Amino acid sequence: AVVARGERVVGEGWHAALGRDHAEVMALDRAGRRAR
């Protein structure tokens, strides 16, 4: 998963292992308030 504002990437994620956060959650956490 990638979170982007226009062409600028503000968060990235992937499902790293069973039981860990899914890709979307990791990407959103890394983007923080920039995800809105």
PDB file of all heavy atoms in Angstrom:
ATOM      1  N   ALA A   1       0.838  -1.204   0.000  1.00  0.00           N
ATOM      2  CA  ALA A   1       0.000   0.000   0.000  1.00  0.00           C
ATOM      3  C   ALA A   1       0.869   1.248   0.000  1.00  0.00           C
ATOM      4  O   ALA A   1       1.944   1.271   0.607  1.00  0.00           O
ATOM      5  CB  ALA A   1      -0.931   0.009   1.204  1.00  0.00           C
ATOM      6  N   VAL A   2       0.378   2.281  -0.679  1.00  0.00           N
ATOM      7  CA  VAL A   2       1.050   3.575  -0.744  1.00  0.00           C
ATOM      8  C   VAL A   2       0.017   4.665  -0.504  1.00  0.00           C
ATOM      9  O   VAL A   2      -1.061   4.651  -1.106  1.00  0.00           O
ATOM     10  CB  VAL A   2       1.711   3.786  -2.123  1.00  0.00           C
ATOM     11  CG1 VAL A   2       2.201   5.225  -2.280  1.00  0.00           C
ATOM     12  CG2 VAL A   2       2.867   2.815  -2.323  1.00  0.00           C
ATOM     13  N   VAL A   3       0.342   5.606   0.375  1.00  0.00           N
ATOM     14  CA  VAL A   3      -0.482   6.802   0.584  1.00  0.00           C
ATOM     15  C   VAL A   3       0.210   7.964  -0.115  1.00  0.00           C
ATOM     16  O   VAL A   3       1.404   8.198   0.107  1.00  0.00           O
ATOM     17  CB  VAL A   3      -0.670   7.116   2.084  1.00  0.00           C
ATOM     18  CG1 VAL A   3      -1.543   8.361   2.269  1.00  0.00           C
ATOM     19  CG2 VAL A   3      -1.299   5.919   2.806  1.00  0.00           C
ATOM     20  N   ALA A   4      -0.534   8.672  -0.966  1.00  0.00           N
ATOM     21  CA  ALA A   4       0.071   9.763  -1.734  1.00  0.00           C
ATOM     22  C   ALA A   4      -0.832  10.997  -1.730  1.00  0.00           C
ATOM     23  O   ALA A   4      -2.061  10.885  -1.773  1.00  0.00           O
ATOM     24  CB  ALA A   4       0.328   9.322  -3.173  1.00  0.00           C
ATOM     25  N   ARG A   5      -0.173  12.130  -1.685  1.00  0.00           N
ATOM     26  CA  ARG A   5      -0.851  13.409  -1.881  1.00  0.00           C
ATOM     27  C   ARG A   5      -0.383  13.930  -3.233  1.00  0.00           C
ATOM     28  O   ARG A   5       0.762  14.399  -3.357  1.00  0.00           O
ATOM     29  CB  ARG A   5      -0.523  14.388  -0.758  1.00  0.00           C
ATOM     30  CG  ARG A   5      -0.932  13.880   0.626  1.00  0.00           C
ATOM     31  CD  ARG A   5      -0.703  14.942   1.698  1.00  0.00           C
ATOM     32  NE  ARG A   5      -1.586  16.087   1.498  1.00  0.00           N
ATOM     33  CZ  ARG A   5      -2.831  16.169   2.006  1.00  0.00           C
ATOM     34  NH1 ARG A   5      -3.314  15.179   2.743  1.00  0.00           N
ATOM     35  NH2 ARG A   5      -3.564  17.241   1.786  1.00  0.00           N
ATOM     36  N   GLY A   6      -1.259  13.797  -4.240  1.00  0.00           N
ATOM     37  CA  GLY A   6      -0.824  14.082  -5.600  1.00  0.00           C
ATOM     38  C   GLY A   6       0.232  13.085  -6.010  1.00  0.00           C
ATOM     39  O   GLY A   6       0.021  11.868  -5.948  1.00  0.00           O
ATOM     40  N   GLU A   7       1.384  13.582  -6.411  1.00  0.00           N
ATOM     41  CA  GLU A   7       2.476  12.696  -6.824  1.00  0.00           C
ATOM     42  C   GLU A   7       3.416  12.352  -5.670  1.00  0.00           C
ATOM     43  O   GLU A   7       4.307  11.520  -5.831  1.00  0.00           O
ATOM     44  CB  GLU A   7       3.278  13.363  -7.940  1.00  0.00           C
ATOM     45  CG  GLU A   7       2.482  13.625  -9.205  1.00  0.00           C
ATOM     46  CD  GLU A   7       3.342  14.167 -10.329  1.00  0.00           C
ATOM     47  OE1 GLU A   7       4.571  14.300 -10.111  1.00  0.00           O
ATOM     48  OE2 GLU A   7       2.802  14.459 -11.408  1.00  0.00           O
ATOM     49  N   ARG A   8       3.216  12.973  -4.521  1.00  0.00           N
ATOM     50  CA  ARG A   8       4.159  12.817  -3.399  1.00  0.00           C
ATOM     51  C   ARG A   8       3.710  11.682  -2.473  1.00  0.00           C
ATOM     52  O   ARG A   8       2.601  11.696  -1.948  1.00  0.00           O
ATOM     53  CB  ARG A   8       4.270  14.116  -2.622  1.00  0.00           C
ATOM     54  CG  ARG A   8       5.322  14.078  -1.503  1.00  0.00           C
ATOM     55  CD  ARG A   8       5.610  15.485  -1.016  1.00  0.00           C
ATOM     56  NE  ARG A   8       4.432  16.097  -0.408  1.00  0.00           N
ATOM     57  CZ  ARG A   8       4.178  16.079   0.908  1.00  0.00           C
ATOM     58  NH1 ARG A   8       5.026  15.489   1.741  1.00  0.00           N
ATOM     59  NH2 ARG A   8       3.102  16.672   1.378  1.00  0.00           N
ATOM     60  N   VAL A   9       4.593  10.721  -2.269  1.00  0.00           N
ATOM     61  CA  VAL A   9       4.316   9.609  -1.358  1.00  0.00           C
ATOM     62  C   VAL A   9       4.529  10.081   0.079  1.00  0.00           C
ATOM     63  O   VAL A   9       5.589  10.625   0.417  1.00  0.00           O
ATOM     64  CB  VAL A   9       5.232   8.410  -1.673  1.00  0.00           C
ATOM     65  CG1 VAL A   9       5.070   7.317  -0.617  1.00  0.00           C
ATOM     66  CG2 VAL A   9       4.939   7.869  -3.059  1.00  0.00           C
ATOM     67  N   VAL A  10       3.519   9.852   0.925  1.00  0.00           N
ATOM     68  CA  VAL A  10       3.628  10.259   2.334  1.00  0.00           C
ATOM     69  C   VAL A  10       3.580   9.072   3.287  1.00  0.00           C
ATOM     70  O   VAL A  10       3.768   9.232   4.499  1.00  0.00           O
ATOM     71  CB  VAL A  10       2.521  11.278   2.693  1.00  0.00           C
ATOM     72  CG1 VAL A  10       2.704  12.564   1.899  1.00  0.00           C
ATOM     73  CG2 VAL A  10       1.123  10.697   2.479  1.00  0.00           C
ATOM     74  N   GLY A  11       3.339   7.868   2.758  1.00  0.00           N
ATOM     75  CA  GLY A  11       3.315   6.684   3.610  1.00  0.00           C
ATOM     76  C   GLY A  11       3.345   5.419   2.784  1.00  0.00           C
ATOM     77  O   GLY A  11       2.745   5.363   1.710  1.00  0.00           O
ATOM     78  N   GLU A  12       4.081   4.414   3.250  1.00  0.00           N
ATOM     79  CA  GLU A  12       4.162   3.132   2.561  1.00  0.00           C
ATOM     80  C   GLU A  12       3.989   2.003   3.565  1.00  0.00           C
ATOM     81  O   GLU A  12       4.327   2.147   4.741  1.00  0.00           O
ATOM     82  CB  GLU A  12       5.525   2.959   1.875  1.00  0.00           C
ATOM     83  CG  GLU A  12       5.792   3.932   0.747  1.00  0.00           C
ATOM     84  CD  GLU A  12       7.112   3.657   0.060  1.00  0.00           C
ATOM     85  OE1 GLU A  12       8.003   3.052   0.705  1.00  0.00           O
ATOM     86  OE2 GLU A  12       7.255   4.036  -1.111  1.00  0.00           O
ATOM     87  N   GLY A  13       3.471   0.869   3.075  1.00  0.00           N
ATOM     88  CA  GLY A  13       3.316  -0.272   3.968  1.00  0.00           C
ATOM     89  C   GLY A  13       3.179  -1.573   3.217  1.00  0.00           C
ATOM     90  O   GLY A  13       2.900  -1.598   2.014  1.00  0.00           O
ATOM     91  N   TRP A  14       3.379  -2.671   3.918  1.00  0.00           N
ATOM     92  CA  TRP A  14       3.189  -4.005   3.362  1.00  0.00           C
ATOM     93  C   TRP A  14       2.845  -4.942   4.505  1.00  0.00           C
ATOM     94  O   TRP A  14       3.121  -4.654   5.681  1.00  0.00           O
ATOM     95  CB  TRP A  14       4.443  -4.485   2.632  1.00  0.00           C
ATOM     96  CG  TRP A  14       5.675  -4.611   3.504  1.00  0.00           C
ATOM     97  CD1 TRP A  14       6.125  -5.722   4.142  1.00  0.00           C
ATOM     98  CD2 TRP A  14       6.593  -3.557   3.847  1.00  0.00           C
ATOM     99  NE1 TRP A  14       7.259  -5.443   4.856  1.00  0.00           N
ATOM    100  CE2 TRP A  14       7.573  -4.124   4.686  1.00  0.00           C
ATOM    101  CE3 TRP A  14       6.672  -2.199   3.518  1.00  0.00           C
ATOM    102  CZ2 TRP A  14       8.616  -3.367   5.216  1.00  0.00           C
ATOM    103  CZ3 TRP A  14       7.716  -1.457   4.042  1.00  0.00           C
ATOM    104  CH2 TRP A  14       8.679  -2.033   4.870  1.00  0.00           C
ATOM    105  N   HIS A  15       2.190  -6.037   4.176  1.00  0.00           N
ATOM    106  CA  HIS A  15       1.856  -7.041   5.189  1.00  0.00           C
ATOM    107  C   HIS A  15       3.116  -7.856   5.446  1.00  0.00           C
ATOM    108  O   HIS A  15       3.529  -8.670   4.618  1.00  0.00           O
ATOM    109  CB  HIS A  15       0.711  -7.916   4.696  1.00  0.00           C
ATOM    110  CG  HIS A  15       0.161  -8.849   5.722  1.00  0.00           C
ATOM    111  ND1 HIS A  15       0.246  -8.610   7.079  1.00  0.00           N
ATOM    112  CD2 HIS A  15      -0.493 -10.035   5.601  1.00  0.00           C
ATOM    113  CE1 HIS A  15      -0.320  -9.602   7.741  1.00  0.00           C
ATOM    114  NE2 HIS A  15      -0.776 -10.479   6.873  1.00  0.00           N
ATOM    115  N   ALA A  16       3.757  -7.604   6.582  1.00  0.00           N
ATOM    116  CA  ALA A  16       5.085  -8.164   6.831  1.00  0.00           C
ATOM    117  C   ALA A  16       5.046  -9.611   7.312  1.00  0.00           C
ATOM    118  O   ALA A  16       5.968 -10.383   7.014  1.00  0.00           O
ATOM    119  CB  ALA A  16       5.825  -7.304   7.861  1.00  0.00           C
ATOM    120  N   ALA A  17       4.007  -9.996   8.052  1.00  0.00           N
ATOM    121  CA  ALA A  17       3.937 -11.356   8.583  1.00  0.00           C
ATOM    122  C   ALA A  17       2.537 -11.603   9.118  1.00  0.00           C
ATOM    123  O   ALA A  17       1.817 -10.666   9.478  1.00  0.00           O
ATOM    124  CB  ALA A  17       4.970 -11.564   9.694  1.00  0.00           C
ATOM    125  N   LEU A  18       2.158 -12.865   9.176  1.00  0.00           N
ATOM    126  CA  LEU A  18       0.850 -13.245   9.702  1.00  0.00           C
ATOM    127  C   LEU A  18       0.682 -12.725  11.127  1.00  0.00           C
ATOM    128  O   LEU A  18       1.566 -12.905  11.973  1.00  0.00           O
ATOM    129  CB  LEU A  18       0.713 -14.768   9.687  1.00  0.00           C
ATOM    130  CG  LEU A  18      -0.651 -15.336  10.058  1.00  0.00           C
ATOM    131  CD1 LEU A  18      -1.699 -14.951   9.016  1.00  0.00           C
ATOM    132  CD2 LEU A  18      -0.572 -16.858  10.195  1.00  0.00           C
ATOM    133  N   GLY A  19      -0.445 -12.042  11.368  1.00  0.00           N
ATOM    134  CA  GLY A  19      -0.717 -11.486  12.686  1.00  0.00           C
ATOM    135  C   GLY A  19      -0.235 -10.063  12.865  1.00  0.00           C
ATOM    136  O   GLY A  19      -0.624  -9.400  13.835  1.00  0.00           O
ATOM    137  N   ARG A  20       0.627  -9.592  11.961  1.00  0.00           N
ATOM    138  CA  ARG A  20       1.097  -8.207  12.015  1.00  0.00           C
ATOM    139  C   ARG A  20       0.123  -7.294  11.286  1.00  0.00           C
ATOM    140  O   ARG A  20      -0.783  -7.741  10.591  1.00  0.00           O
ATOM    141  CB  ARG A  20       2.489  -8.114  11.371  1.00  0.00           C
ATOM    142  CG  ARG A  20       3.556  -8.976  12.026  1.00  0.00           C
ATOM    143  CD  ARG A  20       4.290  -8.245  13.126  1.00  0.00           C
ATOM    144  NE  ARG A  20       5.036  -7.117  12.599  1.00  0.00           N
ATOM    145  CZ  ARG A  20       6.270  -7.197  12.094  1.00  0.00           C
ATOM    146  NH1 ARG A  20       6.873  -8.371  12.014  1.00  0.00           N
ATOM    147  NH2 ARG A  20       6.895  -6.115  11.668  1.00  0.00           N
ATOM    148  N   ASP A  21       0.320  -5.977  11.424  1.00  0.00           N
ATOM    149  CA  ASP A  21      -0.541  -5.019  10.739  1.00  0.00           C
ATOM    150  C   ASP A  21      -0.605  -5.298   9.250  1.00  0.00           C
ATOM    151  O   ASP A  21       0.388  -5.690   8.632  1.00  0.00           O
ATOM    152  CB  ASP A  21      -0.022  -3.590  10.947  1.00  0.00           C
ATOM    153  CG  ASP A  21      -0.332  -3.044  12.322  1.00  0.00           C
ATOM    154  OD1 ASP A  21      -1.205  -3.621  13.004  1.00  0.00           O
ATOM    155  OD2 ASP A  21       0.306  -2.058  12.713  1.00  0.00           O
ATOM    156  N   HIS A  22      -1.787  -5.052   8.678  1.00  0.00           N
ATOM    157  CA  HIS A  22      -1.919  -5.172   7.232  1.00  0.00           C
ATOM    158  C   HIS A  22      -1.250  -3.974   6.567  1.00  0.00           C
ATOM    159  O   HIS A  22      -0.935  -2.972   7.198  1.00  0.00           O
ATOM    160  CB  HIS A  22      -3.389  -5.270   6.844  1.00  0.00           C
ATOM    161  CG  HIS A  22      -4.011  -6.576   7.189  1.00  0.00           C
ATOM    162  ND1 HIS A  22      -5.270  -6.948   6.779  1.00  0.00           N
ATOM    163  CD2 HIS A  22      -3.546  -7.630   7.928  1.00  0.00           C
ATOM    164  CE1 HIS A  22      -5.553  -8.146   7.225  1.00  0.00           C
ATOM    165  NE2 HIS A  22      -4.519  -8.584   7.936  1.00  0.00           N
ATOM    166  N   ALA A  23      -1.049  -4.089   5.257  1.00  0.00           N
ATOM    167  CA  ALA A  23      -0.311  -3.064   4.503  1.00  0.00           C
ATOM    168  C   ALA A  23      -0.939  -1.684   4.647  1.00  0.00           C
ATOM    169  O   ALA A  23      -0.232  -0.678   4.822  1.00  0.00           O
ATOM    170  CB  ALA A  23      -0.262  -3.463   3.028  1.00  0.00           C
ATOM    171  N   GLU A  24      -2.282  -1.617   4.577  1.00  0.00           N
ATOM    172  CA  GLU A  24      -2.968  -0.332   4.637  1.00  0.00           C
ATOM    173  C   GLU A  24      -2.713   0.371   5.970  1.00  0.00           C
ATOM    174  O   GLU A  24      -2.472   1.584   6.023  1.00  0.00           O
ATOM    175  CB  GLU A  24      -4.479  -0.525   4.450  1.00  0.00           C
ATOM    176  CG  GLU A  24      -4.854  -1.200   3.144  1.00  0.00           C
ATOM    177  CD  GLU A  24      -5.016  -2.703   3.262  1.00  0.00           C
ATOM    178  OE1 GLU A  24      -4.168  -3.344   3.941  1.00  0.00           O
ATOM    179  OE2 GLU A  24      -5.975  -3.245   2.700  1.00  0.00           O
ATOM    180  N   VAL A  25      -2.757  -0.412   7.055  1.00  0.00           N
ATOM    181  CA  VAL A  25      -2.581   0.167   8.392  1.00  0.00           C
ATOM    182  C   VAL A  25      -1.154   0.686   8.554  1.00  0.00           C
ATOM    183  O   VAL A  25      -0.931   1.785   9.085  1.00  0.00           O
ATOM    184  CB  VAL A  25      -2.922  -0.876   9.475  1.00  0.00           C
ATOM    185  CG1 VAL A  25      -2.575  -0.344  10.861  1.00  0.00           C
ATOM    186  CG2 VAL A  25      -4.410  -1.248   9.397  1.00  0.00           C
ATOM    187  N   MET A  26      -0.162  -0.083   8.099  1.00  0.00           N
ATOM    188  CA  MET A  26       1.217   0.381   8.177  1.00  0.00           C
ATOM    189  C   MET A  26       1.405   1.675   7.388  1.00  0.00           C
ATOM    190  O   MET A  26       2.036   2.632   7.874  1.00  0.00           O
ATOM    191  CB  MET A  26       2.187  -0.678   7.652  1.00  0.00           C
ATOM    192  CG  MET A  26       3.656  -0.242   7.715  1.00  0.00           C
ATOM    193  SD  MET A  26       4.803  -1.355   6.850  1.00  0.00           S
ATOM    194  CE  MET A  26       4.777  -2.773   7.923  1.00  0.00           C
ATOM    195  N   ALA A  27       0.873   1.720   6.170  1.00  0.00           N
ATOM    196  CA  ALA A  27       1.030   2.916   5.337  1.00  0.00           C
ATOM    197  C   ALA A  27       0.344   4.123   5.974  1.00  0.00           C
ATOM    198  O   ALA A  27       0.895   5.236   5.966  1.00  0.00           O
ATOM    199  CB  ALA A  27       0.463   2.657   3.948  1.00  0.00           C
ATOM    200  N   LEU A  28      -0.832   3.931   6.529  1.00  0.00           N
ATOM    201  CA  LEU A  28      -1.561   5.038   7.167  1.00  0.00           C
ATOM    202  C   LEU A  28      -0.839   5.522   8.417  1.00  0.00           C
ATOM    203  O   LEU A  28      -0.776   6.735   8.687  1.00  0.00           O
ATOM    204  CB  LEU A  28      -2.982   4.593   7.506  1.00  0.00           C
ATOM    205  CG  LEU A  28      -3.899   4.332   6.304  1.00  0.00           C
ATOM    206  CD1 LEU A  28      -5.176   3.643   6.752  1.00  0.00           C
ATOM    207  CD2 LEU A  28      -4.214   5.629   5.573  1.00  0.00           C
ATOM    208  N   ASP A  29      -0.298   4.596   9.200  1.00  0.00           N
ATOM    209  CA  ASP A  29       0.454   4.986  10.396  1.00  0.00           C
ATOM    210  C   ASP A  29       1.669   5.825  10.017  1.00  0.00           C
ATOM    211  O   ASP A  29       1.993   6.822  10.698  1.00  0.00           O
ATOM    212  CB  ASP A  29       0.909   3.744  11.174  1.00  0.00           C
ATOM    213  CG  ASP A  29      -0.221   3.094  11.960  1.00  0.00           C
ATOM    214  OD1 ASP A  29      -1.292   3.734  12.083  1.00  0.00           O
ATOM    215  OD2 ASP A  29      -0.034   1.960  12.431  1.00  0.00           O
ATOM    216  N   ARG A  30       2.343   5.456   8.949  1.00  0.00           N
ATOM    217  CA  ARG A  30       3.526   6.202   8.531  1.00  0.00           C
ATOM    218  C   ARG A  30       3.148   7.565   7.949  1.00  0.00           C
ATOM    219  O   ARG A  30       3.919   8.527   8.058  1.00  0.00           O
ATOM    220  CB  ARG A  30       4.323   5.388   7.520  1.00  0.00           C
ATOM    221  CG  ARG A  30       4.962   4.151   8.154  1.00  0.00           C
ATOM    222  CD  ARG A  30       5.807   3.382   7.164  1.00  0.00           C
ATOM    223  NE  ARG A  30       6.587   2.342   7.857  1.00  0.00           N
ATOM    224  CZ  ARG A  30       7.501   1.580   7.272  1.00  0.00           C
ATOM    225  NH1 ARG A  30       7.747   1.748   5.977  1.00  0.00           N
ATOM    226  NH2 ARG A  30       8.163   0.674   7.961  1.00  0.00           N
ATOM    227  N   ALA A  31       1.967   7.629   7.335  1.00  0.00           N
ATOM    228  CA  ALA A  31       1.522   8.914   6.782  1.00  0.00           C
ATOM    229  C   ALA A  31       1.042   9.859   7.877  1.00  0.00           C
ATOM    230  O   ALA A  31       1.189  11.084   7.768  1.00  0.00           O
ATOM    231  CB  ALA A  31       0.404   8.680   5.766  1.00  0.00           C
ATOM    232  N   GLY A  32       0.463   9.305   8.947  1.00  0.00           N
ATOM    233  CA  GLY A  32      -0.043  10.139  10.037  1.00  0.00           C
ATOM    234  C   GLY A  32      -1.128  11.098   9.566  1.00  0.00           C
ATOM    235  O   GLY A  32      -2.011  10.716   8.781  1.00  0.00           O
ATOM    236  N   ARG A  33      -1.040  12.357  10.012  1.00  0.00           N
ATOM    237  CA  ARG A  33      -2.068  13.343   9.660  1.00  0.00           C
ATOM    238  C   ARG A  33      -2.061  13.683   8.174  1.00  0.00           C
ATOM    239  O   ARG A  33      -3.048  14.211   7.645  1.00  0.00           O
ATOM    240  CB  ARG A  33      -1.864  14.618  10.491  1.00  0.00           C
ATOM    241  CG  ARG A  33      -2.261  14.432  11.957  1.00  0.00           C
ATOM    242  CD  ARG A  33      -2.046  15.694  12.740  1.00  0.00           C
ATOM    243  NE  ARG A  33      -0.618  16.027  12.871  1.00  0.00           N
ATOM    244  CZ  ARG A  33      -0.160  17.090  13.526  1.00  0.00           C
ATOM    245  NH1 ARG A  33      -1.020  17.932  14.098  1.00  0.00           N
ATOM    246  NH2 ARG A  33       1.136  17.313  13.616  1.00  0.00           N
ATOM    247  N   ARG A  34      -0.979  13.372   7.484  1.00  0.00           N
ATOM    248  CA  ARG A  34      -0.912  13.657   6.047  1.00  0.00           C
ATOM    249  C   ARG A  34      -1.832  12.755   5.226  1.00  0.00           C
ATOM    250  O   ARG A  34      -2.058  12.994   4.034  1.00  0.00           O
ATOM    251  CB  ARG A  34       0.528  13.519   5.552  1.00  0.00           C
ATOM    252  CG  ARG A  34       1.492  14.535   6.160  1.00  0.00           C
ATOM    253  CD  ARG A  34       2.930  14.216   5.789  1.00  0.00           C
ATOM    254  NE  ARG A  34       3.373  12.939   6.354  1.00  0.00           N
ATOM    255  CZ  ARG A  34       4.560  12.394   6.167  1.00  0.00           C
ATOM    256  NH1 ARG A  34       5.444  13.023   5.390  1.00  0.00           N
ATOM    257  NH2 ARG A  34       4.885  11.250   6.717  1.00  0.00           N
ATOM    258  N   ALA A  35      -2.391  11.720   5.860  1.00  0.00           N
ATOM    259  CA  ALA A  35      -3.306  10.827   5.153  1.00  0.00           C
ATOM    260  C   ALA A  35      -4.659  11.468   4.890  1.00  0.00           C
ATOM    261  O   ALA A  35      -5.363  11.074   3.958  1.00  0.00           O
ATOM    262  CB  ALA A  35      -3.490   9.537   5.954  1.00  0.00           C
ATOM    263  N   ARG A  36      -5.034  12.473   5.700  1.00  0.00           N
ATOM    264  CA  ARG A  36      -6.356  13.104   5.523  1.00  0.00           C
ATOM    265  C   ARG A  36      -6.418  13.804   4.165  1.00  0.00           C
ATOM    266  O   ARG A  36      -5.603  14.651   3.843  1.00  0.00           O
ATOM    267  CB  ARG A  36      -6.639  14.092   6.656  1.00  0.00           C
ATOM    268  CG  ARG A  36      -8.059  14.664   6.622  1.00  0.00           C
ATOM    269  CD  ARG A  36      -8.481  15.193   7.978  1.00  0.00           C
ATOM    270  NE  ARG A  36      -8.472  14.136   8.997  1.00  0.00           N
ATOM    271  CZ  ARG A  36      -9.490  13.275   9.174  1.00  0.00           C
ATOM    272  NH1 ARG A  36     -10.571  13.351   8.420  1.00  0.00           N
ATOM    273  NH2 ARG A  36      -9.414  12.360  10.121  1.00  0.00           N
TER     274      ARG A  36
END
